[in-house]
Structures are given as structure tokens and as C-alpha cells.
Amino acid sequence: MFTRIETELTTAATDVVLGLLCAGLAVGLATIPAQAPWKRHVWIAALLCMAVGSALGAVAHGFTLSEGARNALWKPLYLSLGLAVALVVVAAVCDWSGEAAARRVLPWALAAAIVFFAASQWLGGAFLIFVVYESVATLIALAIYTSLARRGGLPGAALIATGLVLTLAAALVQISSLSARVAVRFDHNGLFHLVQIVAITVMVAGVRASLRAGF
């Protein structure tokens, strides 16, 4: 049964939109003829992990569930989002130092995601752990793409950096107490999704530009 809490319904609805967007963008990347297929696969995997996390979030927020069922959903949700963040860092390393370096970083990045997941579970699913992990990883990727944009060596780097800045802004919204009514009421979670929809769209536009240019 759907929940009757308006803000939970809008959060679930925006989760659905975000998940469909990520899945659609992943399919779109898969259709681009790329000279860097490994990098493209990393971005596709990151987007699919985001899509899975959004789908699980839509169920957790949109339906009336027992506490046990909701807690069970948060586990794979945290893991999928943690993996997505790790893969974005791997993609950044690929653009910065090449595929060989990114392949070496990949297992360490995935291990960090698993450590984050284990820590969040050990601390009772504390969302602050994810916010810290996401912020640190996003800042690393942002530093890389900002440098690449300044050097002018990677088409789309400025767009990717802009998307990462918006992702940080979305994280700030999520840990706030903001709410807004635009026909229906959104709490901080729903607003986070709205900002993240823009962030992902801008970021992937940059990724597409780099792949189309042969990078």
C-alpha cells in the first residue's frame, strides 16, 4: 500500500524519475561509438548503480512497510550508491592518468565502497557516513575534472565538473531541513533528488562529449 505521507510520496516519485533518468542515460552511453570502451563501461556501471539505488529508495519511501522490510531495503541501497560513487572516482582517474592507472585503482575504490557500506551498517545505517564518503569522493573527482577543464585537454570536463558541484549542492540540501511546495510539498529528500536530476544530466552531457571526441 502506498504511504499517505505527502513528502514521502514526492520523494518516491522523484526517486523514480531519477532512476529512470540514470537508466536512460546509461543506455544512451552504450549507443555511442567510443574509442575508450572501458571508460564508457565504468560510467554505465555507475549510472546503473544509481538507478538501482533510486528504485530501492522509491520503494522504501513510497510504500507502507514494516521497519524490518525498510531496513532490509536500505542495505542494498547504500551498497549500490557507494559503488556508484567509487566508479565515478575511477572514471575520473581514467581521464586524468589513463585506463591502466584506473584499472589499478578500481579494486581499491570498490573496496572503499564496501568499507563504507560495512561502516554504515556497523553504526546502524547512519546516513551521515554516506554523506561524508560521497563528499570526499566527489571532491576528489571535482579536483580532477576542474584541473582538466583548466588545461583544456578533455572535451566535456567543465560540464562534468559542474555536475559534480551540483552533486555537492544536492548533498547539502539532503542534510538540511529544507522543504518547499510547488503544487505538492517536497522535503529535503525530494529536493535533493530534483537537484541531483540536474546534476546527473549535466555530468553525463560532459561524459558524452568526451566519448564522442574519442577520449
C-alpha atoms as a PDB file:
ATOM      1  CA  MET A   1       0.000   0.000   0.000  1.00  0.00           C
ATOM      2  CA  PHE A   2       1.213   3.491  -0.831  1.00  0.00           C
ATOM      3  CA  THR A   3       2.096   5.725   2.083  1.00  0.00           C
ATOM      4  CA  ARG A   4      -0.241   8.615   2.856  1.00  0.00           C
ATOM      5  CA  ILE A   5       2.584  10.989   3.803  1.00  0.00           C
ATOM      6  CA  GLU A   6       2.782  13.618   1.068  1.00  0.00           C
ATOM      7  CA  THR A   7       6.510  14.291   1.343  1.00  0.00           C
ATOM      8  CA  GLU A   8       7.284  10.562   1.255  1.00  0.00           C
ATOM      9  CA  LEU A   9       5.224  10.232  -1.923  1.00  0.00           C
ATOM     10  CA  THR A  10       7.016  13.132  -3.607  1.00  0.00           C
ATOM     11  CA  THR A  11      10.352  11.685  -2.507  1.00  0.00           C
ATOM     12  CA  ALA A  12       9.391   8.333  -4.020  1.00  0.00           C
ATOM     13  CA  ALA A  13       8.189   9.999  -7.232  1.00  0.00           C
ATOM     14  CA  THR A  14      11.417  11.954  -7.666  1.00  0.00           C
ATOM     15  CA  ASP A  15      13.364   8.765  -6.918  1.00  0.00           C
ATOM     16  CA  VAL A  16      11.502   7.079  -9.778  1.00  0.00           C
ATOM     17  CA  VAL A  17      12.333   9.958 -12.138  1.00  0.00           C
ATOM     18  CA  LEU A  18      15.981   9.911 -11.078  1.00  0.00           C
ATOM     19  CA  GLY A  19      16.205   6.147 -11.518  1.00  0.00           C
ATOM     20  CA  LEU A  20      14.637   6.222 -14.976  1.00  0.00           C
ATOM     21  CA  LEU A  21      16.936   9.094 -15.949  1.00  0.00           C
ATOM     22  CA  CYS A  22      20.047   7.195 -14.863  1.00  0.00           C
ATOM     23  CA  ALA A  23      18.932   4.036 -16.667  1.00  0.00           C
ATOM     24  CA  GLY A  24      18.121   6.015 -19.814  1.00  0.00           C
ATOM     25  CA  LEU A  25      21.451   7.844 -19.741  1.00  0.00           C
ATOM     26  CA  ALA A  26      23.258   4.512 -19.311  1.00  0.00           C
ATOM     27  CA  VAL A  27      21.516   3.160 -22.416  1.00  0.00           C
ATOM     28  CA  GLY A  28      22.403   6.351 -24.256  1.00  0.00           C
ATOM     29  CA  LEU A  29      26.094   5.991 -23.408  1.00  0.00           C
ATOM     30  CA  ALA A  30      26.027   2.385 -24.595  1.00  0.00           C
ATOM     31  CA  THR A  31      24.954   3.543 -28.069  1.00  0.00           C
ATOM     32  CA  ILE A  32      27.879   5.944 -28.524  1.00  0.00           C
ATOM     33  CA  PRO A  33      30.705   4.528 -30.668  1.00  0.00           C
ATOM     34  CA  ALA A  34      33.635   5.054 -28.316  1.00  0.00           C
ATOM     35  CA  GLN A  35      37.379   4.745 -28.642  1.00  0.00           C
ATOM     36  CA  ALA A  36      37.502   4.346 -24.847  1.00  0.00           C
ATOM     37  CA  PRO A  37      35.061   1.456 -24.249  1.00  0.00           C
ATOM     38  CA  TRP A  38      36.423   0.602 -20.792  1.00  0.00           C
ATOM     39  CA  LYS A  39      35.802   4.137 -19.531  1.00  0.00           C
ATOM     40  CA  ARG A  40      32.321   4.071 -21.073  1.00  0.00           C
ATOM     41  CA  HIS A  41      31.599   0.800 -19.255  1.00  0.00           C
ATOM     42  CA  VAL A  42      32.660   2.359 -15.946  1.00  0.00           C
ATOM     43  CA  TRP A  43      30.250   5.265 -16.421  1.00  0.00           C
ATOM     44  CA  ILE A  44      27.444   2.922 -17.492  1.00  0.00           C
ATOM     45  CA  ALA A  45      28.033   0.800 -14.382  1.00  0.00           C
ATOM     46  CA  ALA A  46      27.954   3.914 -12.178  1.00  0.00           C
ATOM     47  CA  LEU A  47      24.661   5.053 -13.711  1.00  0.00           C
ATOM     48  CA  LEU A  48      23.095   1.617 -13.344  1.00  0.00           C
ATOM     49  CA  CYS A  49      24.122   1.516  -9.681  1.00  0.00           C
ATOM     50  CA  MET A  50      22.464   4.908  -9.224  1.00  0.00           C
ATOM     51  CA  ALA A  51      19.347   3.598 -10.959  1.00  0.00           C
ATOM     52  CA  VAL A  52      19.198   0.589  -8.629  1.00  0.00           C
ATOM     53  CA  GLY A  53      19.620   2.838  -5.586  1.00  0.00           C
ATOM     54  CA  SER A  54      16.842   5.127  -6.789  1.00  0.00           C
ATOM     55  CA  ALA A  55      14.492   2.204  -7.425  1.00  0.00           C
ATOM     56  CA  LEU A  56      15.070   0.867  -3.931  1.00  0.00           C
ATOM     57  CA  GLY A  57      14.610   4.361  -2.500  1.00  0.00           C
ATOM     58  CA  ALA A  58      11.291   4.723  -4.327  1.00  0.00           C
ATOM     59  CA  VAL A  59      10.021   1.525  -2.708  1.00  0.00           C
ATOM     60  CA  ALA A  60      11.338   2.470   0.740  1.00  0.00           C
ATOM     61  CA  HIS A  61       9.740   5.919   0.642  1.00  0.00           C
ATOM     62  CA  GLY A  62       6.621   5.223  -1.364  1.00  0.00           C
ATOM     63  CA  PHE A  63       5.138   2.190   0.359  1.00  0.00           C
ATOM     64  CA  THR A  64       3.952   1.457   3.862  1.00  0.00           C
ATOM     65  CA  LEU A  65       6.496  -1.114   5.033  1.00  0.00           C
ATOM     66  CA  SER A  66       7.414  -2.731   8.292  1.00  0.00           C
ATOM     67  CA  GLU A  67      10.544  -1.421   9.974  1.00  0.00           C
ATOM     68  CA  GLY A  68      12.327  -4.680   9.191  1.00  0.00           C
ATOM     69  CA  ALA A  69      11.437  -4.530   5.495  1.00  0.00           C
ATOM     70  CA  ARG A  70      12.512  -0.889   5.210  1.00  0.00           C
ATOM     71  CA  ASN A  71      15.814  -1.604   6.970  1.00  0.00           C
ATOM     72  CA  ALA A  72      16.394  -4.521   4.606  1.00  0.00           C
ATOM     73  CA  LEU A  73      15.971  -2.186   1.617  1.00  0.00           C
ATOM     74  CA  TRP A  74      18.468   0.356   2.945  1.00  0.00           C
ATOM     75  CA  LYS A  75      21.286  -2.222   2.874  1.00  0.00           C
ATOM     76  CA  PRO A  76      21.460  -2.802  -0.902  1.00  0.00           C
ATOM     77  CA  LEU A  77      20.557   0.857  -1.438  1.00  0.00           C
ATOM     78  CA  TYR A  78      23.609   2.052   0.477  1.00  0.00           C
ATOM     79  CA  LEU A  79      25.791  -0.525  -1.260  1.00  0.00           C
ATOM     80  CA  SER A  80      24.629   0.432  -4.761  1.00  0.00           C
ATOM     81  CA  LEU A  81      25.140   4.153  -4.129  1.00  0.00           C
ATOM     82  CA  GLY A  82      28.521   3.506  -2.546  1.00  0.00           C
ATOM     83  CA  LEU A  83      29.611   1.554  -5.622  1.00  0.00           C
ATOM     84  CA  ALA A  84      28.328   4.328  -7.911  1.00  0.00           C
ATOM     85  CA  VAL A  85      30.413   6.943  -6.091  1.00  0.00           C
ATOM     86  CA  ALA A  86      33.501   4.716  -6.273  1.00  0.00           C
ATOM     87  CA  LEU A  87      33.054   4.194 -10.010  1.00  0.00           C
ATOM     88  CA  VAL A  88      32.833   7.945 -10.657  1.00  0.00           C
ATOM     89  CA  VAL A  89      36.228   8.342  -8.977  1.00  0.00           C
ATOM     90  CA  VAL A  90      37.620   5.513 -11.127  1.00  0.00           C
ATOM     91  CA  ALA A  91      36.310   7.252 -14.253  1.00  0.00           C
ATOM     92  CA  ALA A  92      37.973  10.484 -13.129  1.00  0.00           C
ATOM     93  CA  VAL A  93      41.300   8.686 -12.662  1.00  0.00           C
ATOM     94  CA  CYS A  94      40.880   7.209 -16.144  1.00  0.00           C
ATOM     95  CA  ASP A  95      40.514  10.690 -17.646  1.00  0.00           C
ATOM     96  CA  TRP A  96      43.418  12.006 -15.571  1.00  0.00           C
ATOM     97  CA  SER A  97      46.020   9.242 -15.856  1.00  0.00           C
ATOM     98  CA  GLY A  98      44.702   6.754 -18.391  1.00  0.00           C
ATOM     99  CA  GLU A  99      42.994   3.399 -18.406  1.00  0.00           C
ATOM    100  CA  ALA A 100      45.917   1.451 -16.950  1.00  0.00           C
ATOM    101  CA  ALA A 101      46.011   3.638 -13.839  1.00  0.00           C
ATOM    102  CA  ALA A 102      42.233   3.474 -13.488  1.00  0.00           C
ATOM    103  CA  ARG A 103      42.298  -0.331 -13.691  1.00  0.00           C
ATOM    104  CA  ARG A 104      44.796  -0.353 -10.812  1.00  0.00           C
ATOM    105  CA  VAL A 105      42.602   1.996  -8.775  1.00  0.00           C
ATOM    106  CA  LEU A 106      39.368   0.077  -9.467  1.00  0.00           C
ATOM    107  CA  PRO A 107      39.735  -2.690  -6.830  1.00  0.00           C
ATOM    108  CA  TRP A 108      40.788  -0.159  -4.179  1.00  0.00           C
ATOM    109  CA  ALA A 109      37.836   2.091  -4.997  1.00  0.00           C
ATOM    110  CA  LEU A 110      35.414  -0.826  -4.813  1.00  0.00           C
ATOM    111  CA  ALA A 111      36.996  -1.905  -1.527  1.00  0.00           C
ATOM    112  CA  ALA A 112      36.468   1.607  -0.153  1.00  0.00           C
ATOM    113  CA  ALA A 113      32.801   1.380  -1.135  1.00  0.00           C
ATOM    114  CA  ILE A 114      32.453  -1.907   0.707  1.00  0.00           C
ATOM    115  CA  VAL A 115      34.206  -0.474   3.771  1.00  0.00           C
ATOM    116  CA  PHE A 116      31.788   2.478   3.693  1.00  0.00           C
ATOM    117  CA  PHE A 117      28.883   0.063   3.495  1.00  0.00           C
ATOM    118  CA  ALA A 118      30.205  -2.018   6.388  1.00  0.00           C
ATOM    119  CA  ALA A 119      30.784   1.106   8.494  1.00  0.00           C
ATOM    120  CA  SER A 120      27.285   2.404   7.816  1.00  0.00           C
ATOM    121  CA  GLN A 121      25.811  -0.933   8.885  1.00  0.00           C
ATOM    122  CA  TRP A 122      28.021  -1.158  11.966  1.00  0.00           C
ATOM    123  CA  LEU A 123      26.794   2.284  13.004  1.00  0.00           C
ATOM    124  CA  GLY A 124      23.160   1.339  12.482  1.00  0.00           C
ATOM    125  CA  GLY A 125      22.779   2.662   8.944  1.00  0.00           C
ATOM    126  CA  ALA A 126      23.867   6.206   9.835  1.00  0.00           C
ATOM    127  CA  PHE A 127      23.288   8.343   6.717  1.00  0.00           C
ATOM    128  CA  LEU A 128      25.996  10.793   7.794  1.00  0.00           C
ATOM    129  CA  ILE A 129      28.576   8.128   6.922  1.00  0.00           C
ATOM    130  CA  PHE A 130      27.366   8.118   3.336  1.00  0.00           C
ATOM    131  CA  VAL A 131      27.342  11.914   3.143  1.00  0.00           C
ATOM    132  CA  VAL A 132      30.971  12.083   4.305  1.00  0.00           C
ATOM    133  CA  TYR A 133      32.038   9.282   1.943  1.00  0.00           C
ATOM    134  CA  GLU A 134      30.203  10.805  -1.031  1.00  0.00           C
ATOM    135  CA  SER A 135      31.550  14.291  -0.302  1.00  0.00           C
ATOM    136  CA  VAL A 136      35.185  13.164  -0.078  1.00  0.00           C
ATOM    137  CA  ALA A 137      34.932  11.081  -3.257  1.00  0.00           C
ATOM    138  CA  THR A 138      33.109  13.841  -5.135  1.00  0.00           C
ATOM    139  CA  LEU A 139      35.702  16.425  -4.110  1.00  0.00           C
ATOM    140  CA  ILE A 140      38.469  14.160  -5.441  1.00  0.00           C
ATOM    141  CA  ALA A 141      36.682  13.772  -8.774  1.00  0.00           C
ATOM    142  CA  LEU A 142      35.880  17.503  -8.854  1.00  0.00           C
ATOM    143  CA  ALA A 143      39.532  18.427  -8.337  1.00  0.00           C
ATOM    144  CA  ILE A 144      40.488  16.175 -11.255  1.00  0.00           C
ATOM    145  CA  TYR A 145      37.886  17.496 -13.675  1.00  0.00           C
ATOM    146  CA  THR A 146      38.451  21.117 -12.666  1.00  0.00           C
ATOM    147  CA  SER A 147      42.140  20.695 -13.468  1.00  0.00           C
ATOM    148  CA  LEU A 148      41.318  19.004 -16.783  1.00  0.00           C
ATOM    149  CA  ALA A 149      38.908  21.804 -17.670  1.00  0.00           C
ATOM    150  CA  ARG A 150      41.549  24.432 -16.957  1.00  0.00           C
ATOM    151  CA  ARG A 151      44.090  22.589 -19.079  1.00  0.00           C
ATOM    152  CA  GLY A 152      41.575  22.218 -21.889  1.00  0.00           C
ATOM    153  CA  GLY A 153      42.660  18.685 -22.703  1.00  0.00           C
ATOM    154  CA  LEU A 154      39.357  16.886 -22.197  1.00  0.00           C
ATOM    155  CA  PRO A 155      36.144  17.898 -24.001  1.00  0.00           C
ATOM    156  CA  GLY A 156      33.262  17.961 -21.554  1.00  0.00           C
ATOM    157  CA  ALA A 157      35.458  18.283 -18.451  1.00  0.00           C
ATOM    158  CA  ALA A 158      33.842  21.587 -17.454  1.00  0.00           C
ATOM    159  CA  LEU A 159      30.373  20.048 -17.711  1.00  0.00           C
ATOM    160  CA  ILE A 160      31.406  17.062 -15.594  1.00  0.00           C
ATOM    161  CA  ALA A 161      32.912  19.410 -13.001  1.00  0.00           C
ATOM    162  CA  THR A 162      29.697  21.462 -12.971  1.00  0.00           C
ATOM    163  CA  GLY A 163      27.669  18.312 -12.439  1.00  0.00           C
ATOM    164  CA  LEU A 164      29.891  17.354  -9.519  1.00  0.00           C
ATOM    165  CA  VAL A 165      29.440  20.801  -7.946  1.00  0.00           C
ATOM    166  CA  LEU A 166      25.681  20.345  -8.249  1.00  0.00           C
ATOM    167  CA  THR A 167      26.024  16.910  -6.647  1.00  0.00           C
ATOM    168  CA  LEU A 168      27.725  18.520  -3.651  1.00  0.00           C
ATOM    169  CA  ALA A 169      24.938  21.103  -3.523  1.00  0.00           C
ATOM    170  CA  ALA A 170      22.401  18.272  -3.579  1.00  0.00           C
ATOM    171  CA  ALA A 171      24.156  16.600  -0.640  1.00  0.00           C
ATOM    172  CA  LEU A 172      23.912  19.856   1.337  1.00  0.00           C
ATOM    173  CA  VAL A 173      20.205  20.024   0.563  1.00  0.00           C
ATOM    174  CA  GLN A 174      19.700  16.460   1.744  1.00  0.00           C
ATOM    175  CA  ILE A 175      21.279  17.009   5.151  1.00  0.00           C
ATOM    176  CA  SER A 176      19.309  20.246   5.617  1.00  0.00           C
ATOM    177  CA  SER A 177      15.753  20.758   6.825  1.00  0.00           C
ATOM    178  CA  LEU A 178      14.621  22.499   3.638  1.00  0.00           C
ATOM    179  CA  SER A 179      11.156  21.986   2.245  1.00  0.00           C
ATOM    180  CA  ALA A 180       9.122  23.625  -0.483  1.00  0.00           C
ATOM    181  CA  ARG A 181       5.674  23.481  -2.025  1.00  0.00           C
ATOM    182  CA  VAL A 182       5.404  23.512  -5.804  1.00  0.00           C
ATOM    183  CA  ALA A 183       1.861  22.201  -6.331  1.00  0.00           C
ATOM    184  CA  VAL A 184       2.858  19.436  -3.906  1.00  0.00           C
ATOM    185  CA  ARG A 185       5.213  19.507  -0.913  1.00  0.00           C
ATOM    186  CA  PHE A 186       8.819  18.371  -1.145  1.00  0.00           C
ATOM    187  CA  ASP A 187      11.009  17.782   1.893  1.00  0.00           C
ATOM    188  CA  HIS A 188      14.816  17.749   1.857  1.00  0.00           C
ATOM    189  CA  ASN A 189      14.891  14.289   0.268  1.00  0.00           C
ATOM    190  CA  GLY A 190      12.644  15.232  -2.625  1.00  0.00           C
ATOM    191  CA  LEU A 191      14.557  18.483  -3.190  1.00  0.00           C
ATOM    192  CA  PHE A 192      17.809  16.507  -3.143  1.00  0.00           C
ATOM    193  CA  HIS A 193      16.506  14.320  -5.946  1.00  0.00           C
ATOM    194  CA  LEU A 194      15.455  17.335  -8.007  1.00  0.00           C
ATOM    195  CA  VAL A 195      18.920  18.891  -7.753  1.00  0.00           C
ATOM    196  CA  GLN A 196      20.546  15.524  -8.413  1.00  0.00           C
ATOM    197  CA  ILE A 197      18.476  15.072 -11.581  1.00  0.00           C
ATOM    198  CA  VAL A 198      20.015  18.268 -12.940  1.00  0.00           C
ATOM    199  CA  ALA A 199      23.480  17.276 -11.692  1.00  0.00           C
ATOM    200  CA  ILE A 200      23.434  13.858 -13.368  1.00  0.00           C
ATOM    201  CA  THR A 201      22.090  15.304 -16.626  1.00  0.00           C
ATOM    202  CA  VAL A 202      24.858  17.913 -16.795  1.00  0.00           C
ATOM    203  CA  MET A 203      27.575  15.457 -15.769  1.00  0.00           C
ATOM    204  CA  VAL A 204      26.612  12.850 -18.347  1.00  0.00           C
ATOM    205  CA  ALA A 205      26.432  15.536 -21.043  1.00  0.00           C
ATOM    206  CA  GLY A 206      30.114  16.099 -20.316  1.00  0.00           C
ATOM    207  CA  VAL A 207      30.842  12.379 -20.420  1.00  0.00           C
ATOM    208  CA  ARG A 208      29.102  12.093 -23.796  1.00  0.00           C
ATOM    209  CA  ALA A 209      31.172  14.995 -25.133  1.00  0.00           C
ATOM    210  CA  SER A 210      34.412  13.318 -24.080  1.00  0.00           C
ATOM    211  CA  LEU A 211      33.423   9.941 -25.547  1.00  0.00           C
ATOM    212  CA  ARG A 212      32.306  11.471 -28.838  1.00  0.00           C
ATOM    213  CA  ALA A 213      35.659  13.251 -29.075  1.00  0.00           C
ATOM    214  CA  GLY A 214      37.458   9.925 -28.677  1.00  0.00           C
ATOM    215  CA  PHE A 215      38.548  10.329 -25.034  1.00  0.00           C
END
